[in-house]
Protein backbone atom coordinates (compact mmCIF):
# COMPACT_ATOMS: atom_id res chain seq x y z
CA MET A 1 37.64 -22.63 -86.31
CA THR A 2 34.96 -20.14 -85.27
CA THR A 3 35.80 -17.00 -83.30
CA ILE A 4 33.55 -14.37 -81.70
CA ARG A 5 35.00 -10.87 -81.50
CA ILE A 6 33.62 -8.10 -79.30
CA ASP A 7 35.06 -4.75 -80.34
CA ARG A 8 34.58 -1.67 -78.12
CA THR A 9 31.07 -2.83 -77.35
CA SER A 10 28.68 -1.16 -74.93
CA ARG A 11 25.07 -1.79 -74.03
CA TRP A 12 22.90 0.48 -71.97
CA PHE A 13 19.29 0.33 -70.81
CA GLY A 14 18.06 3.88 -70.33
CA ASN A 15 20.54 5.47 -67.93
CA VAL A 16 21.98 2.12 -66.81
CA VAL A 17 25.20 0.98 -68.49
CA ALA A 18 25.30 -2.83 -68.39
CA VAL A 19 28.38 -3.34 -70.60
CA ASN A 20 30.94 -0.57 -71.00
CA ASP A 21 33.39 -0.44 -73.94
CA ILE A 22 34.45 -4.09 -73.85
CA THR A 23 36.88 -5.66 -76.32
CA MET A 24 37.63 -9.37 -76.22
CA GLU A 25 37.96 -12.44 -78.43
CA ILE A 26 36.38 -15.83 -77.76
CA ALA A 27 38.40 -18.43 -79.65
CA PRO A 28 37.98 -22.21 -80.05
CA GLY A 29 38.36 -24.07 -76.76
CA ILE A 30 36.70 -23.44 -73.41
CA THR A 31 36.44 -19.92 -72.02
CA GLY A 32 35.08 -19.12 -68.58
CA LEU A 33 33.23 -15.81 -68.15
CA LEU A 34 33.48 -14.52 -64.58
CA GLY A 35 31.99 -11.63 -62.70
CA PRO A 36 29.81 -10.85 -59.68
CA ASN A 37 26.03 -10.65 -60.00
CA GLY A 38 25.07 -7.62 -62.09
CA ALA A 39 28.50 -7.40 -63.73
CA GLY A 40 27.05 -7.65 -67.26
CA LYS A 41 27.77 -11.31 -68.06
CA SER A 42 24.26 -12.21 -69.25
CA THR A 43 24.01 -9.01 -71.33
CA LEU A 44 27.31 -9.88 -73.01
CA ILE A 45 26.18 -13.44 -73.75
CA HIS A 46 22.88 -12.19 -75.20
CA MET A 47 24.79 -9.90 -77.57
CA MET A 48 27.10 -12.77 -78.59
CA SER A 49 24.10 -14.96 -79.34
CA GLY A 50 22.36 -12.32 -81.48
CA PHE A 51 19.39 -11.77 -79.19
CA LEU A 52 20.43 -8.29 -78.10
CA ALA A 53 21.84 -5.44 -80.16
CA PRO A 54 24.90 -3.56 -78.93
CA SER A 55 24.29 0.12 -78.24
CA SER A 56 27.73 0.84 -79.67
CA GLY A 57 30.60 -1.21 -81.03
CA THR A 58 30.37 -4.55 -82.84
CA VAL A 59 29.93 -8.24 -82.06
CA THR A 60 30.99 -10.51 -84.92
CA LEU A 61 31.23 -14.19 -85.74
CA ASP A 62 34.26 -14.73 -87.98
CA ASP A 63 33.99 -11.07 -89.02
CA ARG A 64 30.24 -11.33 -89.77
CA THR A 65 27.89 -9.19 -87.68
CA ILE A 66 25.71 -11.39 -85.47
CA TRP A 67 22.82 -9.00 -84.81
CA ARG A 68 20.01 -9.52 -87.36
CA ASN A 69 22.04 -12.17 -89.17
CA ALA A 70 19.83 -15.26 -89.28
CA ALA A 71 22.61 -17.35 -90.82
CA ALA A 72 24.71 -16.85 -87.68
CA TYR A 73 22.09 -18.66 -85.57
CA ARG A 74 22.88 -21.90 -87.40
CA GLU A 75 26.37 -21.79 -85.89
CA ILE A 76 25.41 -20.73 -82.36
CA GLY A 77 23.81 -22.74 -79.56
CA LEU A 78 22.57 -20.84 -76.50
CA VAL A 79 21.73 -22.16 -73.03
CA PRO A 80 20.24 -19.15 -71.20
CA GLU A 81 20.12 -18.84 -67.44
CA ARG A 82 16.40 -18.14 -67.41
CA GLU A 83 14.02 -21.01 -68.07
CA GLY A 84 11.83 -19.65 -70.90
CA MET A 85 10.50 -23.15 -71.67
CA TYR A 86 7.10 -24.49 -72.72
CA ASP A 87 6.23 -26.62 -69.72
CA TYR A 88 3.26 -28.31 -71.42
CA LEU A 89 5.60 -29.93 -73.98
CA THR A 90 7.55 -33.09 -73.39
CA GLY A 91 11.33 -32.81 -73.41
CA GLY A 92 11.43 -34.58 -76.76
CA GLU A 93 8.87 -32.19 -78.28
CA PHE A 94 10.81 -29.19 -77.02
CA VAL A 95 14.06 -30.33 -78.63
CA LEU A 96 12.27 -31.46 -81.81
CA ALA A 97 10.71 -28.00 -82.21
CA ASN A 98 14.19 -26.46 -82.24
CA ALA A 99 15.41 -29.04 -84.75
CA GLU A 100 12.50 -28.20 -87.05
CA LEU A 101 13.08 -24.46 -86.68
CA HIS A 102 16.62 -25.01 -87.93
CA GLY A 103 15.28 -26.88 -90.95
CA LEU A 104 17.36 -29.98 -90.26
CA PRO A 105 16.96 -32.75 -92.86
CA ASP A 106 16.04 -35.38 -90.25
CA PRO A 107 14.83 -33.51 -87.14
CA GLY A 108 13.73 -36.73 -85.41
CA ALA A 109 17.18 -38.31 -85.64
CA ALA A 110 18.86 -35.06 -84.56
CA THR A 111 16.53 -34.83 -81.55
CA ARG A 112 17.30 -38.38 -80.44
CA ALA A 113 21.04 -37.79 -80.81
CA ALA A 114 20.92 -34.56 -78.78
CA LEU A 115 18.89 -36.17 -75.99
CA ASP A 116 21.30 -39.10 -75.89
CA THR A 117 24.23 -36.70 -75.65
CA VAL A 118 22.87 -35.16 -72.44
CA ASP A 119 21.52 -38.45 -71.03
CA MET A 120 17.86 -37.40 -71.28
CA ALA A 121 16.48 -39.99 -73.69
CA HIS A 122 14.81 -41.86 -70.81
CA ALA A 123 12.71 -38.76 -69.97
CA ALA A 124 11.95 -37.61 -73.52
CA ASP A 125 8.23 -38.46 -73.23
CA ARG A 126 7.71 -36.70 -69.91
CA ARG A 127 6.31 -33.17 -69.72
CA ILE A 128 8.84 -30.50 -68.85
CA ASP A 129 6.79 -29.36 -65.85
CA THR A 130 7.58 -32.72 -64.20
CA TYR A 131 11.36 -32.21 -64.58
CA SER A 132 13.77 -31.32 -61.80
CA LYS A 133 15.95 -28.22 -62.19
CA GLY A 134 18.88 -30.36 -63.35
CA MET A 135 16.73 -32.16 -65.94
CA ARG A 136 15.44 -28.85 -67.29
CA GLN A 137 19.04 -27.66 -67.64
CA ARG A 138 19.97 -30.78 -69.59
CA VAL A 139 17.01 -30.56 -71.96
CA LYS A 140 17.91 -26.90 -72.63
CA MET A 141 21.40 -28.17 -73.43
CA ALA A 142 19.97 -30.75 -75.85
CA SER A 143 17.96 -28.03 -77.57
CA ALA A 144 21.10 -25.91 -77.97
CA LEU A 145 23.09 -28.85 -79.39
CA VAL A 146 20.47 -30.30 -81.75
CA HIS A 147 21.85 -28.48 -84.83
CA GLU A 148 25.49 -29.26 -83.89
CA PRO A 149 26.65 -25.64 -83.54
CA SER A 150 30.29 -24.63 -83.78
CA VAL A 151 29.76 -22.10 -80.95
CA LEU A 152 28.10 -22.90 -77.62
CA LEU A 153 27.19 -20.13 -75.16
CA LEU A 154 26.06 -21.18 -71.69
CA ASP A 155 24.83 -18.84 -68.96
CA GLU A 156 25.22 -20.52 -65.54
CA PRO A 157 24.73 -24.02 -67.05
CA PHE A 158 25.48 -25.96 -63.84
CA ASN A 159 22.67 -24.44 -61.79
CA GLY A 160 20.50 -27.12 -60.20
CA MET A 161 22.61 -30.06 -61.33
CA ASP A 162 23.64 -32.79 -58.92
CA PRO A 163 27.33 -33.81 -58.77
CA ARG A 164 26.91 -36.64 -61.29
CA GLN A 165 25.12 -34.41 -63.80
CA ARG A 166 27.73 -31.69 -63.29
CA MET A 167 30.58 -34.09 -64.03
CA GLN A 168 28.80 -35.40 -67.14
CA LEU A 169 28.35 -31.86 -68.47
CA MET A 170 31.98 -31.01 -67.71
CA ASP A 171 33.11 -34.08 -69.66
CA LEU A 172 30.86 -33.10 -72.58
CA LEU A 173 32.17 -29.54 -72.67
CA ARG A 174 35.79 -30.73 -72.48
CA LYS A 175 35.19 -32.99 -75.48
CA MET A 176 33.61 -30.14 -77.43
CA GLY A 177 36.58 -27.90 -76.66
CA GLN A 178 39.01 -30.62 -77.71
CA ASP A 179 37.06 -31.05 -80.96
CA GLY A 180 37.73 -27.41 -81.82
CA ARG A 181 34.37 -25.90 -80.95
CA THR A 182 34.13 -22.48 -79.33
CA VAL A 183 32.61 -22.87 -75.86
CA LEU A 184 31.94 -19.99 -73.47
CA PHE A 185 30.23 -20.45 -70.12
CA SER A 186 29.55 -18.23 -67.15
CA SER A 187 29.52 -19.56 -63.61
CA HIS A 188 29.50 -18.18 -60.08
CA ILE A 189 31.14 -21.41 -58.83
CA LEU A 190 34.83 -20.69 -59.23
CA GLU A 191 35.87 -24.30 -58.76
CA GLU A 192 33.95 -25.28 -61.89
CA VAL A 193 35.70 -22.64 -63.98
CA GLU A 194 39.08 -23.58 -62.53
CA GLN A 195 38.54 -27.25 -63.43
CA LEU A 196 37.14 -26.63 -66.89
CA ALA A 197 38.25 -23.40 -68.55
CA THR A 198 41.53 -23.03 -70.42
CA HIS A 199 41.00 -19.27 -70.62
CA ILE A 200 39.07 -16.74 -68.52
CA GLU A 201 37.48 -13.36 -69.14
CA VAL A 202 36.59 -11.29 -66.07
CA ILE A 203 33.86 -8.63 -66.11
CA VAL A 204 33.47 -6.25 -63.18
CA ALA A 205 30.81 -3.48 -63.13
CA GLY A 206 30.33 -3.78 -66.88
CA ARG A 207 34.02 -3.38 -67.66
CA HIS A 208 36.63 -5.85 -68.86
CA ALA A 209 38.86 -6.48 -65.84
CA ALA A 210 41.18 -9.29 -67.00
CA SER A 211 41.77 -11.86 -69.72
CA GLY A 212 43.94 -14.95 -70.07
CA ASP A 213 45.13 -17.90 -68.01
CA TYR A 214 44.19 -17.17 -64.39
CA ARG A 215 47.57 -18.36 -63.08
CA LYS A 216 49.38 -15.92 -65.38
CA ILE A 217 47.02 -13.16 -64.28
CA ARG A 218 47.83 -13.97 -60.65
CA ARG A 219 51.54 -13.59 -61.36
CA LEU A 220 50.96 -10.12 -62.77
CA MET A 221 49.47 -8.95 -59.46
CA THR A 222 52.77 -7.47 -58.34
CA ASP A 223 51.16 -5.18 -55.76
CA ARG A 224 49.93 -8.14 -53.71
CA PRO A 225 52.25 -10.70 -52.05
CA HIS A 226 52.33 -14.21 -53.46
CA ARG A 227 51.90 -16.87 -50.82
CA TYR A 228 53.73 -20.20 -50.85
CA LEU A 229 53.68 -23.31 -48.73
CA VAL A 230 57.26 -24.58 -48.37
CA ARG A 231 58.45 -27.81 -46.72
CA SER A 232 62.14 -28.51 -46.34
CA SER A 233 64.65 -30.60 -44.45
CA ASP A 234 65.43 -27.62 -42.14
CA ASP A 235 62.57 -25.11 -41.98
CA ARG A 236 64.24 -22.97 -39.30
CA ALA A 237 67.42 -22.41 -41.30
CA LEU A 238 65.47 -21.82 -44.53
CA ALA A 239 63.22 -19.26 -42.82
CA ALA A 240 66.25 -17.36 -41.52
CA ALA A 241 67.79 -17.25 -45.00
CA LEU A 242 64.57 -16.18 -46.69
CA ILE A 243 63.57 -13.47 -44.24
CA ALA A 244 66.95 -11.80 -44.84
CA ASP A 245 66.22 -11.60 -48.57
CA ARG A 246 64.24 -8.68 -50.01
CA SER A 247 62.06 -11.02 -52.08
CA THR A 248 59.99 -11.92 -48.99
CA SER A 249 57.91 -9.81 -46.61
CA GLY A 250 56.84 -12.39 -44.05
CA ILE A 251 57.32 -16.02 -43.00
CA GLU A 252 55.44 -18.06 -40.43
CA PHE A 253 55.48 -21.70 -39.42
CA ASP A 254 52.22 -23.61 -39.92
CA ALA A 255 52.20 -26.40 -37.33
CA ALA A 256 49.15 -28.12 -38.86
CA GLU A 257 50.86 -28.33 -42.24
CA ASP A 258 54.35 -28.79 -40.74
CA ALA A 259 55.54 -26.23 -43.28
CA LEU A 260 56.52 -22.59 -43.79
CA ARG A 261 54.04 -20.07 -45.16
CA VAL A 262 56.03 -17.52 -47.13
CA GLN A 263 54.87 -14.17 -48.53
CA ALA A 264 56.88 -13.25 -51.61
CA VAL A 265 56.73 -9.60 -52.72
CA ASP A 266 59.09 -10.08 -55.68
CA PHE A 267 57.87 -13.13 -57.58
CA GLY A 268 60.74 -13.28 -60.07
CA ARG A 269 63.47 -12.90 -57.47
CA PHE A 270 61.83 -15.36 -55.05
CA THR A 271 61.66 -18.15 -57.66
CA THR A 272 65.42 -17.86 -58.29
CA GLN A 273 66.53 -17.14 -54.73
CA LEU A 274 64.68 -20.00 -53.03
CA PRO A 275 66.62 -22.86 -54.70
CA ARG A 276 69.90 -20.90 -54.50
CA LEU A 277 69.54 -20.26 -50.76
CA ALA A 278 68.54 -23.87 -50.12
CA ARG A 279 71.60 -25.09 -52.01
CA GLU A 280 73.95 -22.70 -50.20
CA HIS A 281 72.71 -23.87 -46.77
CA GLY A 282 72.54 -27.57 -47.61
CA ILE A 283 68.74 -27.69 -47.29
CA ARG A 284 66.55 -30.04 -49.31
CA LEU A 285 63.30 -28.56 -50.62
CA LEU A 286 60.52 -31.12 -50.19
CA THR A 287 57.46 -29.07 -51.24
CA VAL A 288 57.04 -25.66 -52.86
CA SER A 289 53.45 -24.90 -53.78
CA PRO A 290 51.54 -21.63 -54.30
CA SER A 291 48.74 -21.31 -51.77
CA ASP A 292 46.85 -18.43 -53.39
CA GLU A 293 46.84 -19.15 -57.13
CA SER A 294 43.29 -20.44 -57.08
CA LEU A 295 40.77 -18.74 -59.32
CA GLU A 296 38.99 -17.50 -56.21
CA SER A 297 42.10 -15.60 -55.19
CA VAL A 298 42.42 -14.03 -58.64
CA PHE A 299 38.75 -13.10 -58.84
CA SER A 300 38.57 -11.64 -55.33
CA TYR A 301 41.60 -9.48 -56.10
CA LEU A 302 40.19 -8.17 -59.36
CA VAL A 303 36.77 -7.39 -57.89
CA SER A 304 38.30 -5.48 -54.97
CA ARG A 305 40.50 -3.23 -57.12
């Protein structure tokens, strides 16, 4: 069970601070790294992968420093956002070169297995400069997986992939997470993170803004109303009962949804009062669903703070 720990880590380039005093732990499973462009995500991933030294603080792999530790590279696979590929090589040659650099006992077999894993065996003999963006992403993935690392770091891995390729990669990452590998990926497409990650880390302006399950983070946002979609057997009577309770700040009827949209300012009280009020007034609750617990809602809130 491999864990990456970032402890009070900063990285600056001249007068520009890219990462500012961040502490976090990336444990086995799938972690989504979120942040707007320029937030410091790529800088953080480069420090985790050992390609960039921290200006202060430490980045360790199971308590071993990653920077200038060649042994750590055997446990880490990196899929960078930038291409950085040798276009005159075939996909197979590119992956084979990485297998040989790792000193694998049978680099040919490892290369074939990695290409099969990402469904690129059919294009192994084609030059990389003939590949589409999605194919280039997949061959980078094969190169990162060829030595079977326990840690996989991916910077915007879904860029350029069509829906089928995206689903295949999601399935692969889920399997790796279930197998106990440590997987971290950044993405600007919140839906992908919401579908895939079991844990999120949010970086805003180089600082650590939030960590954990995004639904739990949303519930901690007590200074912003929680919005619910509620359907019942008597919406009018339920609205009257709820608006009189201090747990809500606003209720409106959504004709398109044939439901109430409720703003709850006291999450804990609302979750206990709603069923109690319904029971007291003989109302059946048909649907109660949060309408703003998406990752997009969480992220937008954190960025705007």
